[in-house]
């Protein structure tokens, strides 16, 4: 299993919106960055990801699961852009803020800490475990 981080502005798509989609999940569409797209192309069903509220909150607020591998993004006719489908798995007990990540030496190399603009990012297994510990959830 691989781990990822999905960033969204809560005003555009929030954790509550994701939860409301239930088991059917939702496309993670609208990504127009080649690096983020390539990360989605590498995802497999069952991979897990953190759901991160960008902008004001700047915090990991939930855990999602990839339920459909890379496929054409339905929001464009441009065949360069793909997306995956994800579903909400669980809300974290304690939101993990960007500041908490930056302050934790275990997360010094985390993409989120070093490239806060990338909307879809890989997360290493040690980073996954560290963030889960901060969030009060089982890895």
C-alpha atoms as a PDB file:
ATOM      1  CA  UNK A   1       0.000   0.000   0.000  1.00  0.00           C
ATOM      2  CA  UNK A   2       1.126   3.531  -0.760  1.00  0.00           C
ATOM      3  CA  UNK A   3       0.178   6.726   1.036  1.00  0.00           C
ATOM      4  CA  UNK A   4      -0.775  10.136  -0.292  1.00  0.00           C
ATOM      5  CA  UNK A   5      -2.058  13.558   0.670  1.00  0.00           C
ATOM      6  CA  UNK A   6      -4.956  15.283  -1.109  1.00  0.00           C
ATOM      7  CA  UNK A   7      -5.320  19.045  -0.631  1.00  0.00           C
ATOM      8  CA  UNK A   8      -8.545  20.955  -1.075  1.00  0.00           C
ATOM      9  CA  UNK A   9      -9.869  24.377  -0.232  1.00  0.00           C
ATOM     10  CA  UNK A  10     -12.828  23.732   2.094  1.00  0.00           C
ATOM     11  CA  UNK A  11     -14.886  26.327   0.224  1.00  0.00           C
ATOM     12  CA  UNK A  12     -14.469  24.265  -2.980  1.00  0.00           C
ATOM     13  CA  UNK A  13     -14.573  20.711  -1.563  1.00  0.00           C
ATOM     14  CA  UNK A  14     -14.518  20.037   2.163  1.00  0.00           C
ATOM     15  CA  UNK A  15     -14.104  16.994   4.331  1.00  0.00           C
ATOM     16  CA  UNK A  16     -17.862  17.204   4.968  1.00  0.00           C
ATOM     17  CA  UNK A  17     -18.499  17.090   1.209  1.00  0.00           C
ATOM     18  CA  UNK A  18     -16.274  14.029   0.917  1.00  0.00           C
ATOM     19  CA  UNK A  19     -18.000  12.262   3.817  1.00  0.00           C
ATOM     20  CA  UNK A  20     -21.411  13.028   2.292  1.00  0.00           C
ATOM     21  CA  UNK A  21     -20.463  10.992  -0.818  1.00  0.00           C
ATOM     22  CA  UNK A  22     -20.352   7.836   1.310  1.00  0.00           C
ATOM     23  CA  UNK A  23     -19.135   4.535  -0.115  1.00  0.00           C
ATOM     24  CA  UNK A  24     -19.579   5.787  -3.689  1.00  0.00           C
ATOM     25  CA  UNK A  25     -16.834   8.350  -3.143  1.00  0.00           C
ATOM     26  CA  UNK A  26     -16.026  11.045  -5.641  1.00  0.00           C
ATOM     27  CA  UNK A  27     -13.579  11.871  -8.417  1.00  0.00           C
ATOM     28  CA  UNK A  28     -10.581  13.902  -7.292  1.00  0.00           C
ATOM     29  CA  UNK A  29     -10.956  16.043 -10.367  1.00  0.00           C
ATOM     30  CA  UNK A  30      -9.782  19.430 -11.558  1.00  0.00           C
ATOM     31  CA  UNK A  31      -6.073  18.819 -10.948  1.00  0.00           C
ATOM     32  CA  UNK A  32      -4.060  20.700 -13.575  1.00  0.00           C
ATOM     33  CA  UNK A  33      -0.505  20.074 -12.428  1.00  0.00           C
ATOM     34  CA  UNK A  34       1.600  17.420 -14.163  1.00  0.00           C
ATOM     35  CA  UNK A  35       3.393  16.298 -11.016  1.00  0.00           C
ATOM     36  CA  UNK A  36       0.130  15.900  -9.091  1.00  0.00           C
ATOM     37  CA  UNK A  37      -1.427  14.101 -12.078  1.00  0.00           C
ATOM     38  CA  UNK A  38       1.519  11.710 -12.236  1.00  0.00           C
ATOM     39  CA  UNK A  39       1.086  10.920  -8.549  1.00  0.00           C
ATOM     40  CA  UNK A  40      -2.550  10.016  -9.238  1.00  0.00           C
ATOM     41  CA  UNK A  41      -1.471   7.807 -12.136  1.00  0.00           C
ATOM     42  CA  UNK A  42       0.712   5.873  -9.669  1.00  0.00           C
ATOM     43  CA  UNK A  43      -2.133   5.233  -7.212  1.00  0.00           C
ATOM     44  CA  UNK A  44      -3.681   1.818  -6.693  1.00  0.00           C
ATOM     45  CA  UNK A  45      -7.051   0.776  -5.290  1.00  0.00           C
ATOM     46  CA  UNK A  46      -6.767   0.523  -1.525  1.00  0.00           C
ATOM     47  CA  UNK A  47      -4.046   3.155  -1.177  1.00  0.00           C
ATOM     48  CA  UNK A  48      -4.742   5.550   1.691  1.00  0.00           C
ATOM     49  CA  UNK A  49      -4.423   9.298   1.821  1.00  0.00           C
ATOM     50  CA  UNK A  50      -4.727  12.228   4.152  1.00  0.00           C
ATOM     51  CA  UNK A  51      -7.438  14.784   3.368  1.00  0.00           C
ATOM     52  CA  UNK A  52      -5.958  18.233   3.915  1.00  0.00           C
ATOM     53  CA  UNK A  53      -7.883  21.487   4.205  1.00  0.00           C
ATOM     54  CA  UNK A  54      -5.771  24.202   2.605  1.00  0.00           C
ATOM     55  CA  UNK A  55      -6.202  27.973   2.845  1.00  0.00           C
ATOM     56  CA  UNK A  56      -7.458  28.965   6.304  1.00  0.00           C
ATOM     57  CA  UNK A  57      -7.348  25.669   8.252  1.00  0.00           C
ATOM     58  CA  UNK A  58      -4.114  24.243   6.828  1.00  0.00           C
ATOM     59  CA  UNK A  59      -4.692  20.901   8.532  1.00  0.00           C
ATOM     60  CA  UNK A  60      -5.084  17.195   7.881  1.00  0.00           C
ATOM     61  CA  UNK A  61      -8.673  16.489   8.867  1.00  0.00           C
ATOM     62  CA  UNK A  62      -9.405  12.992   7.569  1.00  0.00           C
ATOM     63  CA  UNK A  63      -8.280   9.787   5.916  1.00  0.00           C
ATOM     64  CA  UNK A  64      -9.452   8.670   2.484  1.00  0.00           C
ATOM     65  CA  UNK A  65      -9.040   5.544   0.364  1.00  0.00           C
ATOM     66  CA  UNK A  66      -8.468   5.297  -3.376  1.00  0.00           C
ATOM     67  CA  UNK A  67     -11.440   3.351  -4.783  1.00  0.00           C
ATOM     68  CA  UNK A  68     -10.815   3.808  -8.521  1.00  0.00           C
ATOM     69  CA  UNK A  69      -7.451   4.064 -10.215  1.00  0.00           C
ATOM     70  CA  UNK A  70      -6.433   6.763 -12.669  1.00  0.00           C
ATOM     71  CA  UNK A  71      -8.979   7.525 -15.398  1.00  0.00           C
ATOM     72  CA  UNK A  72      -9.870  10.542 -17.572  1.00  0.00           C
ATOM     73  CA  UNK A  73     -10.986  13.575 -15.582  1.00  0.00           C
ATOM     74  CA  UNK A  74     -14.665  14.129 -16.361  1.00  0.00           C
ATOM     75  CA  UNK A  75     -14.345  17.896 -15.946  1.00  0.00           C
ATOM     76  CA  UNK A  76     -12.315  18.329 -19.154  1.00  0.00           C
ATOM     77  CA  UNK A  77     -12.057  17.005 -22.697  1.00  0.00           C
ATOM     78  CA  UNK A  78      -8.272  17.425 -22.556  1.00  0.00           C
ATOM     79  CA  UNK A  79      -6.832  13.898 -22.442  1.00  0.00           C
ATOM     80  CA  UNK A  80      -3.733  15.065 -20.534  1.00  0.00           C
ATOM     81  CA  UNK A  81      -5.680  15.187 -17.264  1.00  0.00           C
ATOM     82  CA  UNK A  82      -6.597  12.181 -15.157  1.00  0.00           C
ATOM     83  CA  UNK A  83      -8.074  11.684 -11.723  1.00  0.00           C
ATOM     84  CA  UNK A  84      -8.771   8.963  -9.193  1.00  0.00           C
ATOM     85  CA  UNK A  85     -11.870   8.321  -7.108  1.00  0.00           C
ATOM     86  CA  UNK A  86     -11.607   8.461  -3.326  1.00  0.00           C
ATOM     87  CA  UNK A  87     -13.925   7.804  -0.409  1.00  0.00           C
ATOM     88  CA  UNK A  88     -13.789   9.031   3.169  1.00  0.00           C
ATOM     89  CA  UNK A  89     -12.578   6.429   5.671  1.00  0.00           C
ATOM     90  CA  UNK A  90     -12.423   8.337   8.941  1.00  0.00           C
ATOM     91  CA  UNK A  91     -12.114  11.750  10.462  1.00  0.00           C
ATOM     92  CA  UNK A  92      -8.982  12.258  12.532  1.00  0.00           C
ATOM     93  CA  UNK A  93      -9.403  12.717  16.285  1.00  0.00           C
ATOM     94  CA  UNK A  94      -7.062  15.721  16.280  1.00  0.00           C
ATOM     95  CA  UNK A  95      -6.526  17.810  13.133  1.00  0.00           C
ATOM     96  CA  UNK A  96      -2.818  17.939  12.268  1.00  0.00           C
ATOM     97  CA  UNK A  97      -1.886  21.445  11.225  1.00  0.00           C
ATOM     98  CA  UNK A  98       0.867  22.459   8.852  1.00  0.00           C
ATOM     99  CA  UNK A  99       2.603  24.100  11.820  1.00  0.00           C
ATOM    100  CA  UNK A 100       2.531  20.801  13.732  1.00  0.00           C
ATOM    101  CA  UNK A 101       4.090  19.053  10.719  1.00  0.00           C
ATOM    102  CA  UNK A 102       6.790  21.702  10.395  1.00  0.00           C
ATOM    103  CA  UNK A 103       7.586  21.450  14.102  1.00  0.00           C
ATOM    104  CA  UNK A 104       7.931  17.652  14.124  1.00  0.00           C
ATOM    105  CA  UNK A 105      11.458  16.501  13.184  1.00  0.00           C
ATOM    106  CA  UNK A 106      10.047  13.183  11.918  1.00  0.00           C
ATOM    107  CA  UNK A 107       8.295  15.162   9.159  1.00  0.00           C
ATOM    108  CA  UNK A 108      11.192  17.416   8.107  1.00  0.00           C
ATOM    109  CA  UNK A 109      11.364  15.798   4.647  1.00  0.00           C
ATOM    110  CA  UNK A 110       7.598  15.524   4.096  1.00  0.00           C
ATOM    111  CA  UNK A 111       6.480  17.035   0.784  1.00  0.00           C
ATOM    112  CA  UNK A 112       3.785  19.030   2.611  1.00  0.00           C
ATOM    113  CA  UNK A 113       6.465  20.746   4.692  1.00  0.00           C
ATOM    114  CA  UNK A 114       8.675  21.517   1.705  1.00  0.00           C
ATOM    115  CA  UNK A 115       6.185  22.094  -1.134  1.00  0.00           C
ATOM    116  CA  UNK A 116       2.934  23.343   0.316  1.00  0.00           C
ATOM    117  CA  UNK A 117       1.468  24.198  -3.107  1.00  0.00           C
ATOM    118  CA  UNK A 118       1.349  20.691  -4.627  1.00  0.00           C
ATOM    119  CA  UNK A 119      -2.264  19.456  -4.458  1.00  0.00           C
ATOM    120  CA  UNK A 120      -1.568  15.699  -4.584  1.00  0.00           C
ATOM    121  CA  UNK A 121       1.535  14.441  -2.811  1.00  0.00           C
ATOM    122  CA  UNK A 122       3.192  11.183  -1.809  1.00  0.00           C
ATOM    123  CA  UNK A 123       3.584  10.391   1.886  1.00  0.00           C
ATOM    124  CA  UNK A 124       6.154   7.867   3.107  1.00  0.00           C
ATOM    125  CA  UNK A 125       5.155   5.099   5.500  1.00  0.00           C
ATOM    126  CA  UNK A 126       7.158   6.624   8.408  1.00  0.00           C
ATOM    127  CA  UNK A 127       5.480   9.991   7.726  1.00  0.00           C
ATOM    128  CA  UNK A 128       2.084   8.272   7.600  1.00  0.00           C
ATOM    129  CA  UNK A 129       2.701   6.676  10.989  1.00  0.00           C
ATOM    130  CA  UNK A 130       3.964   9.936  12.521  1.00  0.00           C
ATOM    131  CA  UNK A 131       0.969  11.947  11.293  1.00  0.00           C
ATOM    132  CA  UNK A 132      -1.459   9.237  12.434  1.00  0.00           C
ATOM    133  CA  UNK A 133       0.126   9.389  15.898  1.00  0.00           C
ATOM    134  CA  UNK A 134      -0.309  13.186  15.974  1.00  0.00           C
ATOM    135  CA  UNK A 135      -3.892  12.786  14.719  1.00  0.00           C
ATOM    136  CA  UNK A 136      -4.845  10.194  17.331  1.00  0.00           C
ATOM    137  CA  UNK A 137      -5.721   7.462  14.840  1.00  0.00           C
ATOM    138  CA  UNK A 138      -4.342   3.991  14.114  1.00  0.00           C
ATOM    139  CA  UNK A 139      -1.965   3.925  11.136  1.00  0.00           C
END
